[in-house]
Each structure stands twice: as C-alpha cells, then as structure tokens.
Amino acid sequence: MLRWLKSLQGRQTLRPRRIPDALWQGTLDNFPFLSDPGEPGAPALKSLVRLFLQQKEFYGAAGLQITDEMAIAIAAQACRPVLHLERPYRGLQWYDDFVGIVVHPDAMLARRETTDDAGVVHHYQEVVTGEAMQDGPVTLSWRDVQDAGHSAHSGYNVVIHEFVHKIDMRDGSADGCPPLPDGFMGASTVAQARRLWVATLQTQHEEFCDKLSIAERFGGAQPWLDPYAAHSIDEFFAVVCEAYFVNPGFLARDFAALVPMFDAFFKQAPG
C-alpha cells in the first residue's frame, strides 16, 4: 500500500511523497479522457492529485479494501474539473469543505425524505451511484468509477458528477451556478455574470426536458444525455459537466451554448 489510506477504524497512515510513474501511467491508460494532447503525461494533473491525496481520506464500505490504484483513479477524476480553476478559489480550495471519500463496491441505497403539499412526510429509499453532501463527504460506487473509461462514450462519469456538485455547493447551495469570478465573460458584476449563467443553463435544461418528454410520450429520438439531468437544474449542471470533461464532442453537438460558458469557467488562464 502507498501512504494515504485510512481505515474505517480511524488508523492514520503516512502520506505519499510521490506517485509511482507506472501507477500513474496505468491511470491515464484506463481513463483516456484525463490525458491532454498538449501535456504528455499530464504532469500538472499528477501534481494536483498528489496534493489531493495528502488532504483527503478514503474509506471502504461493506468490506471494500481501497487499493492504491483505486485511490489514484478517484483522485485523478476528482481533480480534473479544478485543474485550471484560479478564481474565485484556486484548485483544491474548491474541495476544502470535506475530507472523507466513502467508496462502496456498487450502487447503494440512500434514505430520502420528502414532504407533500398536505404536509405529510414520506420516507423512501433511492438507489444511487454517488452522493455529495453539503460540508460533508463524497460517496461513490467503485463499479461505476472503475467503468469510467468505457462509460465516457455516453458522457457518464460519477466522480466528476459528484465533485462538480461540490464546486456548485461552494457558495452554500446546489443551484447549478458555482461561484463566478469578477469579470466573468465580460460581465461588469458578479450578479450580472450569475444572471447570464443561470439564464443559459436554464434554457438548455428546458430544451433537454422537452426533448426527453417528446421521446417518452411520443416515441421521438431518445437524447443521449442521462435522463437524470431532467431531475433539477443542479443535476443538469452536474450531468452536462460529466460530458464536458469526458466526451466534449457530444456536448458541443447538442448543447453548444454551454461550451463557451464552461470554457470560460473551467479553462481559466493561470494568474
């Protein structure tokens, strides 16, 4: 084992000084979307992953033993969205509200609670492959993480999905709009930038929901994007971000209005 793992009983281990080259290259081979043609070997991502592993703690649920390969696979995918982020927070500062990452062998049951219009509280269970809690841990299904290299074709990535939720939550709520930097896309104020972001995202969300409704009710063409994106605006944001990082061609084809906005946010020039 390398040195960043921590047991469910709380036994502290040492921290890694480096990631072995073979282990890192294996990660890039398994998850090709992490590689940047302009940066062979992804050294900047590797450096960020090492810092991530120093700051976070992994826990295996249901008897799952976390290996070095598993920890690096999760860390690399989690770091990808914040690799170039400099404003209003830099890099891993976007993830400084939590430490723990809980990994289950497969999908899990999450307890849910809703209140209907009559004030009656309903309790139920929902099958999930991941979950991000406000100021709390991230939970992931290892089966889905492990399959990310193959599922990228359909724009699916559970790690990016949950960690984008963390980015979205950085201002205190999951509403589909992360904290935006001053001058974002030429806006004179952050409030103006936020209105532009929300309006663009909302329009794309509504168009997707319309296409999904037509497909389900009238047998129209089924959208390739995960139908879960229709659930809410914050879930739509997380789902389209998955595609942005793992299959950008699909996103650009069907959600062209989002690309310049996401480029401006996620590909900020260092400075």
Foldseek 3Di string as FASTA:
>chain_A
DAFLEAEPVGDHGHAHPADDLVLLVVLCVQAVLLDDPVDPSPPLLRVLLSVLSVQAYEYEPPPDDDDPSLSSLLSSLLQQQQSQFPPPHHGCVLVPLEHYEYEYQAWDWDWDWDADPVRDIDIDIDTDQWAADQSYYIYGHSVQSSCNNVCLVLLDHRSQLHSVQSQCCSVPDQALDGQDGQCQVNDNGSVRVRVVRCVLLVVLLVVLVVQCVCCVPPVDDHQSFDPCLNVHSSSVNSRLVSNCSRPVVSCCVRSVSCVVNSCSRRNPHHD
